[in-house]
Amino acid sequence: MKQRKVPLRKCVVTNEMKPKKELIRVVRSPEGEVSIDKTGKKNGRGAYISNGKEFFEQAKKKDILSRHLNVKVSEEIYDQLIEQVGK
């Protein structure tokens, strides 16, 4: 049986290429609204972060998502990411 190609994406914090399923996508909609994309299919500009509390805290400290999404990302989005790891 033919092996399927695994889609890889780059983490904006570590710059590592990882399988898409291991990363969390944060998306900026065409209207400029920033949200966490659990399905990976929302419209807009996306940025991927490795799933781990230390990666979210590092992104918050350096405000990496604002740079990648070209819009000011609120502290609440970073807090939602950190909360999500606890679940």
PDB file of N, CA and C in Angstrom:
ATOM      1  N   MET A   1       0.825  -1.172   0.000  1.00  0.00           N
ATOM      2  CA  MET A   1       0.000   0.000   0.000  1.00  0.00           C
ATOM      3  C   MET A   1       0.880   1.251   0.000  1.00  0.00           C
ATOM      4  N   LYS A   2       0.469   2.257  -0.751  1.00  0.00           N
ATOM      5  CA  LYS A   2       1.242   3.487  -0.862  1.00  0.00           C
ATOM      6  C   LYS A   2       1.104   4.329   0.410  1.00  0.00           C
ATOM      7  N   GLN A   3       2.238   4.827   0.901  1.00  0.00           N
ATOM      8  CA  GLN A   3       2.233   5.644   2.112  1.00  0.00           C
ATOM      9  C   GLN A   3       1.824   7.072   1.765  1.00  0.00           C
ATOM     10  N   ARG A   4       0.923   7.630   2.578  1.00  0.00           N
ATOM     11  CA  ARG A   4       0.443   9.001   2.352  1.00  0.00           C
ATOM     12  C   ARG A   4       1.489  10.011   2.804  1.00  0.00           C
ATOM     13  N   LYS A   5       1.546  11.126   2.106  1.00  0.00           N
ATOM     14  CA  LYS A   5       2.460  12.199   2.462  1.00  0.00           C
ATOM     15  C   LYS A   5       1.906  12.944   3.676  1.00  0.00           C
ATOM     16  N   VAL A   6       2.755  13.165   4.678  1.00  0.00           N
ATOM     17  CA  VAL A   6       2.352  13.872   5.888  1.00  0.00           C
ATOM     18  C   VAL A   6       2.646  15.361   5.686  1.00  0.00           C
ATOM     19  N   PRO A   7       1.611  16.236   5.791  1.00  0.00           N
ATOM     20  CA  PRO A   7       1.863  17.662   5.613  1.00  0.00           C
ATOM     21  C   PRO A   7       2.681  18.234   6.773  1.00  0.00           C
ATOM     22  N   LEU A   8       3.749  18.942   6.439  1.00  0.00           N
ATOM     23  CA  LEU A   8       4.617  19.551   7.441  1.00  0.00           C
ATOM     24  C   LEU A   8       4.403  21.056   7.463  1.00  0.00           C
ATOM     25  N   ARG A   9       4.519  21.637   8.656  1.00  0.00           N
ATOM     26  CA  ARG A   9       4.411  23.080   8.826  1.00  0.00           C
ATOM     27  C   ARG A   9       5.532  23.529   9.763  1.00  0.00           C
ATOM     28  N   LYS A  10       5.912  24.795   9.657  1.00  0.00           N
ATOM     29  CA  LYS A  10       6.996  25.325  10.483  1.00  0.00           C
ATOM     30  C   LYS A  10       6.443  26.043  11.702  1.00  0.00           C
ATOM     31  N   CYS A  11       6.963  25.693  12.866  1.00  0.00           N
ATOM     32  CA  CYS A  11       6.605  26.369  14.120  1.00  0.00           C
ATOM     33  C   CYS A  11       7.245  27.754  14.117  1.00  0.00           C
ATOM     34  N   VAL A  12       6.463  28.791  14.421  1.00  0.00           N
ATOM     35  CA  VAL A  12       6.978  30.164  14.400  1.00  0.00           C
ATOM     36  C   VAL A  12       7.902  30.459  15.587  1.00  0.00           C
ATOM     37  N   VAL A  13       7.859  29.624  16.616  1.00  0.00           N
ATOM     38  CA  VAL A  13       8.705  29.841  17.795  1.00  0.00           C
ATOM     39  C   VAL A  13      10.051  29.140  17.624  1.00  0.00           C
ATOM     40  N   THR A  14      10.034  27.859  17.261  1.00  0.00           N
ATOM     41  CA  THR A  14      11.266  27.064  17.190  1.00  0.00           C
ATOM     42  C   THR A  14      11.845  26.966  15.785  1.00  0.00           C
ATOM     43  N   ASN A  15      11.071  27.334  14.763  1.00  0.00           N
ATOM     44  CA  ASN A  15      11.460  27.200  13.354  1.00  0.00           C
ATOM     45  C   ASN A  15      11.711  25.749  12.946  1.00  0.00           C
ATOM     46  N   GLU A  16      11.080  24.800  13.640  1.00  0.00           N
ATOM     47  CA  GLU A  16      11.195  23.383  13.310  1.00  0.00           C
ATOM     48  C   GLU A  16      10.045  22.985  12.397  1.00  0.00           C
ATOM     49  N   MET A  17      10.324  22.117  11.446  1.00  0.00           N
ATOM     50  CA  MET A  17       9.277  21.554  10.608  1.00  0.00           C
ATOM     51  C   MET A  17       8.695  20.348  11.339  1.00  0.00           C
ATOM     52  N   LYS A  18       7.376  20.350  11.532  1.00  0.00           N
ATOM     53  CA  LYS A  18       6.701  19.267  12.250  1.00  0.00           C
ATOM     54  C   LYS A  18       5.431  18.901  11.502  1.00  0.00           C
ATOM     55  N   PRO A  19       4.903  17.688  11.750  1.00  0.00           N
ATOM     56  CA  PRO A  19       3.607  17.334  11.152  1.00  0.00           C
ATOM     57  C   PRO A  19       2.525  18.308  11.615  1.00  0.00           C
ATOM     58  N   LYS A  20       1.631  18.647  10.705  1.00  0.00           N
ATOM     59  CA  LYS A  20       0.577  19.630  10.953  1.00  0.00           C
ATOM     60  C   LYS A  20      -0.256  19.284  12.184  1.00  0.00           C
ATOM     61  N   LYS A  21      -0.490  18.007  12.437  1.00  0.00           N
ATOM     62  CA  LYS A  21      -1.335  17.573  13.550  1.00  0.00           C
ATOM     63  C   LYS A  21      -0.700  17.847  14.911  1.00  0.00           C
ATOM     64  N   GLU A  22       0.627  18.011  14.974  1.00  0.00           N
ATOM     65  CA  GLU A  22       1.320  18.257  16.243  1.00  0.00           C
ATOM     66  C   GLU A  22       1.351  19.738  16.608  1.00  0.00           C
ATOM     67  N   LEU A  23       0.898  20.599  15.695  1.00  0.00           N
ATOM     68  CA  LEU A  23       0.968  22.041  15.899  1.00  0.00           C
ATOM     69  C   LEU A  23      -0.420  22.632  16.112  1.00  0.00           C
ATOM     70  N   ILE A  24      -0.463  23.814  16.715  1.00  0.00           N
ATOM     71  CA  ILE A  24      -1.718  24.541  16.899  1.00  0.00           C
ATOM     72  C   ILE A  24      -1.677  25.753  15.983  1.00  0.00           C
ATOM     73  N   ARG A  25      -2.775  25.978  15.269  1.00  0.00           N
ATOM     74  CA  ARG A  25      -2.848  27.075  14.306  1.00  0.00           C
ATOM     75  C   ARG A  25      -3.594  28.261  14.914  1.00  0.00           C
ATOM     76  N   VAL A  26      -2.987  29.429  14.786  1.00  0.00           N
ATOM     77  CA  VAL A  26      -3.631  30.681  15.177  1.00  0.00           C
ATOM     78  C   VAL A  26      -3.848  31.438  13.872  1.00  0.00           C
ATOM     79  N   VAL A  27      -5.074  31.917  13.657  1.00  0.00           N
ATOM     80  CA  VAL A  27      -5.425  32.500  12.361  1.00  0.00           C
ATOM     81  C   VAL A  27      -5.926  33.932  12.503  1.00  0.00           C
ATOM     82  N   ARG A  28      -5.558  34.762  11.526  1.00  0.00           N
ATOM     83  CA  ARG A  28      -6.098  36.123  11.420  1.00  0.00           C
ATOM     84  C   ARG A  28      -7.072  36.113  10.250  1.00  0.00           C
ATOM     85  N   SER A  29      -8.336  36.395  10.543  1.00  0.00           N
ATOM     86  CA  SER A  29      -9.365  36.394   9.502  1.00  0.00           C
ATOM     87  C   SER A  29      -9.178  37.602   8.594  1.00  0.00           C
ATOM     88  N   PRO A  30      -9.820  37.588   7.410  1.00  0.00           N
ATOM     89  CA  PRO A  30      -9.724  38.749   6.508  1.00  0.00           C
ATOM     90  C   PRO A  30     -10.200  40.055   7.150  1.00  0.00           C
ATOM     91  N   GLU A  31     -11.050  39.958   8.185  1.00  0.00           N
ATOM     92  CA  GLU A  31     -11.533  41.148   8.888  1.00  0.00           C
ATOM     93  C   GLU A  31     -10.528  41.639   9.937  1.00  0.00           C
ATOM     94  N   GLY A  32      -9.467  40.865  10.198  1.00  0.00           N
ATOM     95  CA  GLY A  32      -8.449  41.259  11.163  1.00  0.00           C
ATOM     96  C   GLY A  32      -8.641  40.664  12.541  1.00  0.00           C
ATOM     97  N   GLU A  33      -9.580  39.741  12.684  1.00  0.00           N
ATOM     98  CA  GLU A  33      -9.869  39.101  13.974  1.00  0.00           C
ATOM     99  C   GLU A  33      -8.928  37.905  14.170  1.00  0.00           C
ATOM    100  N   VAL A  34      -8.300  37.802  15.326  1.00  0.00           N
ATOM    101  CA  VAL A  34      -7.369  36.715  15.623  1.00  0.00           C
ATOM    102  C   VAL A  34      -8.061  35.678  16.501  1.00  0.00           C
ATOM    103  N   SER A  35      -7.917  34.392  16.124  1.00  0.00           N
ATOM    104  CA  SER A  35      -8.522  33.327  16.916  1.00  0.00           C
ATOM    105  C   SER A  35      -7.699  32.046  16.780  1.00  0.00           C
ATOM    106  N   ILE A  36      -7.972  31.096  17.680  1.00  0.00           N
ATOM    107  CA  ILE A  36      -7.322  29.790  17.629  1.00  0.00           C
ATOM    108  C   ILE A  36      -8.153  28.895  16.719  1.00  0.00           C
ATOM    109  N   ASP A  37      -7.499  28.263  15.761  1.00  0.00           N
ATOM    110  CA  ASP A  37      -8.179  27.439  14.769  1.00  0.00           C
ATOM    111  C   ASP A  37      -7.983  25.967  15.119  1.00  0.00           C
ATOM    112  N   LYS A  38      -8.995  25.379  15.740  1.00  0.00           N
ATOM    113  CA  LYS A  38      -8.898  23.975  16.142  1.00  0.00           C
ATOM    114  C   LYS A  38      -9.026  23.015  14.964  1.00  0.00           C
ATOM    115  N   THR A  39      -9.775  23.423  13.921  1.00  0.00           N
ATOM    116  CA  THR A  39      -9.982  22.552  12.758  1.00  0.00           C
ATOM    117  C   THR A  39      -8.839  22.636  11.760  1.00  0.00           C
ATOM    118  N   GLY A  40      -8.139  23.767  11.729  1.00  0.00           N
ATOM    119  CA  GLY A  40      -7.058  23.952  10.762  1.00  0.00           C
ATOM    120  C   GLY A  40      -7.556  24.344   9.388  1.00  0.00           C
ATOM    121  N   LYS A  41      -8.819  24.750   9.296  1.00  0.00           N
ATOM    122  CA  LYS A  41      -9.417  25.038   7.995  1.00  0.00           C
ATOM    123  C   LYS A  41     -10.040  26.424   7.871  1.00  0.00           C
ATOM    124  N   LYS A  42      -9.899  27.256   8.907  1.00  0.00           N
ATOM    125  CA  LYS A  42     -10.484  28.598   8.837  1.00  0.00           C
ATOM    126  C   LYS A  42      -9.783  29.429   7.772  1.00  0.00           C
ATOM    127  N   ASN A  43     -10.531  30.365   7.187  1.00  0.00           N
ATOM    128  CA  ASN A  43      -9.960  31.275   6.207  1.00  0.00           C
ATOM    129  C   ASN A  43      -9.067  32.284   6.893  1.00  0.00           C
ATOM    130  N   GLY A  44      -7.992  32.660   6.235  1.00  0.00           N
ATOM    131  CA  GLY A  44      -7.144  33.719   6.743  1.00  0.00           C
ATOM    132  C   GLY A  44      -5.691  33.311   6.831  1.00  0.00           C
ATOM    133  N   ARG A  45      -4.902  34.224   7.317  1.00  0.00           N
ATOM    134  CA  ARG A  45      -3.463  34.006   7.471  1.00  0.00           C
ATOM    135  C   ARG A  45      -3.224  33.220   8.753  1.00  0.00           C
ATOM    136  N   GLY A  46      -2.469  32.142   8.653  1.00  0.00           N
ATOM    137  CA  GLY A  46      -2.241  31.289   9.808  1.00  0.00           C
ATOM    138  C   GLY A  46      -0.798  31.265  10.257  1.00  0.00           C
ATOM    139  N   ALA A  47      -0.602  30.985  11.521  1.00  0.00           N
ATOM    140  CA  ALA A  47       0.727  30.783  12.101  1.00  0.00           C
ATOM    141  C   ALA A  47       0.632  29.551  12.993  1.00  0.00           C
ATOM    142  N   TYR A  48       1.630  28.694  12.909  1.00  0.00           N
ATOM    143  CA  TYR A  48       1.619  27.444  13.669  1.00  0.00           C
ATOM    144  C   TYR A  48       2.596  27.515  14.833  1.00  0.00           C
ATOM    145  N   ILE A  49       2.147  26.980  15.985  1.00  0.00           N
ATOM    146  CA  ILE A  49       2.992  26.937  17.189  1.00  0.00           C
ATOM    147  C   ILE A  49       2.994  25.506  17.711  1.00  0.00           C
ATOM    148  N   SER A  50       4.181  25.043  18.134  1.00  0.00           N
ATOM    149  CA  SER A  50       4.292  23.728  18.749  1.00  0.00           C
ATOM    150  C   SER A  50       3.406  23.680  19.977  1.00  0.00           C
ATOM    151  N   ASN A  51       2.822  22.519  20.229  1.00  0.00           N
ATOM    152  CA  ASN A  51       1.886  22.364  21.332  1.00  0.00           C
ATOM    153  C   ASN A  51       2.647  22.124  22.633  1.00  0.00           C
ATOM    154  N   GLY A  52       2.827  23.188  23.402  1.00  0.00           N
ATOM    155  CA  GLY A  52       3.500  23.080  24.694  1.00  0.00           C
ATOM    156  C   GLY A  52       3.493  24.425  25.397  1.00  0.00           C
ATOM    157  N   LYS A  53       3.347  24.371  26.704  1.00  0.00           N
ATOM    158  CA  LYS A  53       3.231  25.604  27.487  1.00  0.00           C
ATOM    159  C   LYS A  53       4.458  26.501  27.312  1.00  0.00           C
ATOM    160  N   GLU A  54       5.661  25.895  27.274  1.00  0.00           N
ATOM    161  CA  GLU A  54       6.880  26.697  27.152  1.00  0.00           C
ATOM    162  C   GLU A  54       6.934  27.449  25.817  1.00  0.00           C
ATOM    163  N   PHE A  55       6.368  26.849  24.746  1.00  0.00           N
ATOM    164  CA  PHE A  55       6.355  27.510  23.438  1.00  0.00           C
ATOM    165  C   PHE A  55       5.384  28.691  23.433  1.00  0.00           C
ATOM    166  N   PHE A  56       4.231  28.517  24.085  1.00  0.00           N
ATOM    167  CA  PHE A  56       3.240  29.599  24.152  1.00  0.00           C
ATOM    168  C   PHE A  56       3.771  30.769  24.974  1.00  0.00           C
ATOM    169  N   GLU A  57       4.452  30.450  26.090  1.00  0.00           N
ATOM    170  CA  GLU A  57       5.009  31.507  26.939  1.00  0.00           C
ATOM    171  C   GLU A  57       6.118  32.262  26.220  1.00  0.00           C
ATOM    172  N   GLN A  58       6.929  31.531  25.454  1.00  0.00           N
ATOM    173  CA  GLN A  58       7.996  32.170  24.687  1.00  0.00           C
ATOM    174  C   GLN A  58       7.408  33.079  23.603  1.00  0.00           C
ATOM    175  N   ALA A  59       6.343  32.619  22.945  1.00  0.00           N
ATOM    176  CA  ALA A  59       5.676  33.420  21.916  1.00  0.00           C
ATOM    177  C   ALA A  59       5.071  34.676  22.536  1.00  0.00           C
ATOM    178  N   LYS A  60       4.497  34.540  23.733  1.00  0.00           N
ATOM    179  CA  LYS A  60       3.892  35.688  24.423  1.00  0.00           C
ATOM    180  C   LYS A  60       4.960  36.703  24.812  1.00  0.00           C
ATOM    181  N   LYS A  61       6.085  36.211  25.346  1.00  0.00           N
ATOM    182  CA  LYS A  61       7.155  37.082  25.803  1.00  0.00           C
ATOM    183  C   LYS A  61       7.732  37.915  24.655  1.00  0.00           C
ATOM    184  N   LYS A  62       7.917  37.272  23.493  1.00  0.00           N
ATOM    185  CA  LYS A  62       8.513  37.961  22.343  1.00  0.00           C
ATOM    186  C   LYS A  62       7.476  38.525  21.376  1.00  0.00           C
ATOM    187  N   ASP A  63       6.185  38.280  21.657  1.00  0.00           N
ATOM    188  CA  ASP A  63       5.075  38.727  20.810  1.00  0.00           C
ATOM    189  C   ASP A  63       5.269  38.283  19.355  1.00  0.00           C
ATOM    190  N   ILE A  64       5.591  37.006  19.185  1.00  0.00           N
ATOM    191  CA  ILE A  64       5.900  36.431  17.877  1.00  0.00           C
ATOM    192  C   ILE A  64       4.687  36.407  16.957  1.00  0.00           C
ATOM    193  N   LEU A  65       3.502  36.119  17.494  1.00  0.00           N
ATOM    194  CA  LEU A  65       2.307  36.022  16.653  1.00  0.00           C
ATOM    195  C   LEU A  65       1.962  37.357  15.994  1.00  0.00           C
ATOM    196  N   SER A  66       2.165  38.453  16.696  1.00  0.00           N
ATOM    197  CA  SER A  66       1.881  39.770  16.118  1.00  0.00           C
ATOM    198  C   SER A  66       2.733  40.002  14.874  1.00  0.00           C
ATOM    199  N   ARG A  67       3.976  39.570  14.946  1.00  0.00           N
ATOM    200  CA  ARG A  67       4.876  39.734  13.809  1.00  0.00           C
ATOM    201  C   ARG A  67       4.447  38.891  12.609  1.00  0.00           C
ATOM    202  N   HIS A  68       4.057  37.650  12.867  1.00  0.00           N
ATOM    203  CA  HIS A  68       3.707  36.731  11.783  1.00  0.00           C
ATOM    204  C   HIS A  68       2.330  37.002  11.188  1.00  0.00           C
ATOM    205  N   LEU A  69       1.406  37.481  12.008  1.00  0.00           N
ATOM    206  CA  LEU A  69       0.045  37.718  11.522  1.00  0.00           C
ATOM    207  C   LEU A  69      -0.181  39.169  11.072  1.00  0.00           C
ATOM    208  N   ASN A  70       0.832  40.011  11.244  1.00  0.00           N
ATOM    209  CA  ASN A  70       0.766  41.419  10.829  1.00  0.00           C
ATOM    210  C   ASN A  70      -0.401  42.171  11.456  1.00  0.00           C
ATOM    211  N   VAL A  71      -0.708  41.854  12.715  1.00  0.00           N
ATOM    212  CA  VAL A  71      -1.756  42.546  13.465  1.00  0.00           C
ATOM    213  C   VAL A  71      -1.437  42.375  14.947  1.00  0.00           C
ATOM    214  N   LYS A  72      -1.848  43.325  15.783  1.00  0.00           N
ATOM    215  CA  LYS A  72      -1.586  43.232  17.224  1.00  0.00           C
ATOM    216  C   LYS A  72      -2.413  42.101  17.834  1.00  0.00           C
ATOM    217  N   VAL A  73      -1.734  41.132  18.424  1.00  0.00           N
ATOM    218  CA  VAL A  73      -2.409  39.994  19.060  1.00  0.00           C
ATOM    219  C   VAL A  73      -2.549  40.291  20.544  1.00  0.00           C
ATOM    220  N   SER A  74      -3.784  40.181  21.053  1.00  0.00           N
ATOM    221  CA  SER A  74      -4.036  40.497  22.460  1.00  0.00           C
ATOM    222  C   SER A  74      -3.480  39.419  23.386  1.00  0.00           C
ATOM    223  N   GLU A  75      -3.291  39.801  24.643  1.00  0.00           N
ATOM    224  CA  GLU A  75      -2.805  38.874  25.667  1.00  0.00           C
ATOM    225  C   GLU A  75      -3.781  37.712  25.850  1.00  0.00           C
ATOM    226  N   GLU A  76      -5.072  37.958  25.596  1.00  0.00           N
ATOM    227  CA  GLU A  76      -6.100  36.929  25.799  1.00  0.00           C
ATOM    228  C   GLU A  76      -5.871  35.713  24.906  1.00  0.00           C
ATOM    229  N   ILE A  77      -5.408  35.927  23.684  1.00  0.00           N
ATOM    230  CA  ILE A  77      -5.143  34.807  22.762  1.00  0.00           C
ATOM    231  C   ILE A  77      -4.028  33.935  23.337  1.00  0.00           C
ATOM    232  N   TYR A  78      -2.954  34.571  23.817  1.00  0.00           N
ATOM    233  CA  TYR A  78      -1.856  33.814  24.423  1.00  0.00           C
ATOM    234  C   TYR A  78      -2.341  33.058  25.660  1.00  0.00           C
ATOM    235  N   ASP A  79      -3.195  33.711  26.474  1.00  0.00           N
ATOM    236  CA  ASP A  79      -3.731  33.065  27.672  1.00  0.00           C
ATOM    237  C   ASP A  79      -4.610  31.871  27.309  1.00  0.00           C
ATOM    238  N   GLN A  80      -5.393  31.990  26.239  1.00  0.00           N
ATOM    239  CA  GLN A  80      -6.235  30.877  25.771  1.00  0.00           C
ATOM    240  C   GLN A  80      -5.352  29.694  25.356  1.00  0.00           C
ATOM    241  N   LEU A  81      -4.244  29.969  24.695  1.00  0.00           N
ATOM    242  CA  LEU A  81      -3.334  28.907  24.279  1.00  0.00           C
ATOM    243  C   LEU A  81      -2.760  28.186  25.496  1.00  0.00           C
ATOM    244  N   ILE A  82      -2.338  28.957  26.499  1.00  0.00           N
ATOM    245  CA  ILE A  82      -1.757  28.361  27.703  1.00  0.00           C
ATOM    246  C   ILE A  82      -2.802  27.540  28.451  1.00  0.00           C
ATOM    247  N   GLU A  83      -4.064  28.045  28.510  1.00  0.00           N
ATOM    248  CA  GLU A  83      -5.165  27.307  29.149  1.00  0.00           C
ATOM    249  C   GLU A  83      -5.431  25.983  28.434  1.00  0.00           C
ATOM    250  N   GLN A  84      -5.356  26.022  27.113  1.00  0.00           N
ATOM    251  CA  GLN A  84      -5.675  24.850  26.301  1.00  0.00           C
ATOM    252  C   GLN A  84      -4.720  23.689  26.586  1.00  0.00           C
ATOM    253  N   VAL A  85      -3.478  23.989  26.931  1.00  0.00           N
ATOM    254  CA  VAL A  85      -2.497  22.942  27.238  1.00  0.00           C
ATOM    255  C   VAL A  85      -2.904  22.203  28.495  1.00  0.00           C
ATOM    256  N   GLY A  86      -3.480  22.910  29.454  1.00  0.00           N
ATOM    257  CA  GLY A  86      -3.903  22.291  30.706  1.00  0.00           C
ATOM    258  C   GLY A  86      -5.006  21.255  30.524  1.00  0.00           C
ATOM    259  N   LYS A  87      -5.764  21.358  29.443  1.00  0.00           N
ATOM    260  CA  LYS A  87      -6.887  20.439  29.198  1.00  0.00           C
ATOM    261  C   LYS A  87      -6.436  19.146  28.572  1.00  0.00           C
TER     262      LYS A  87
END
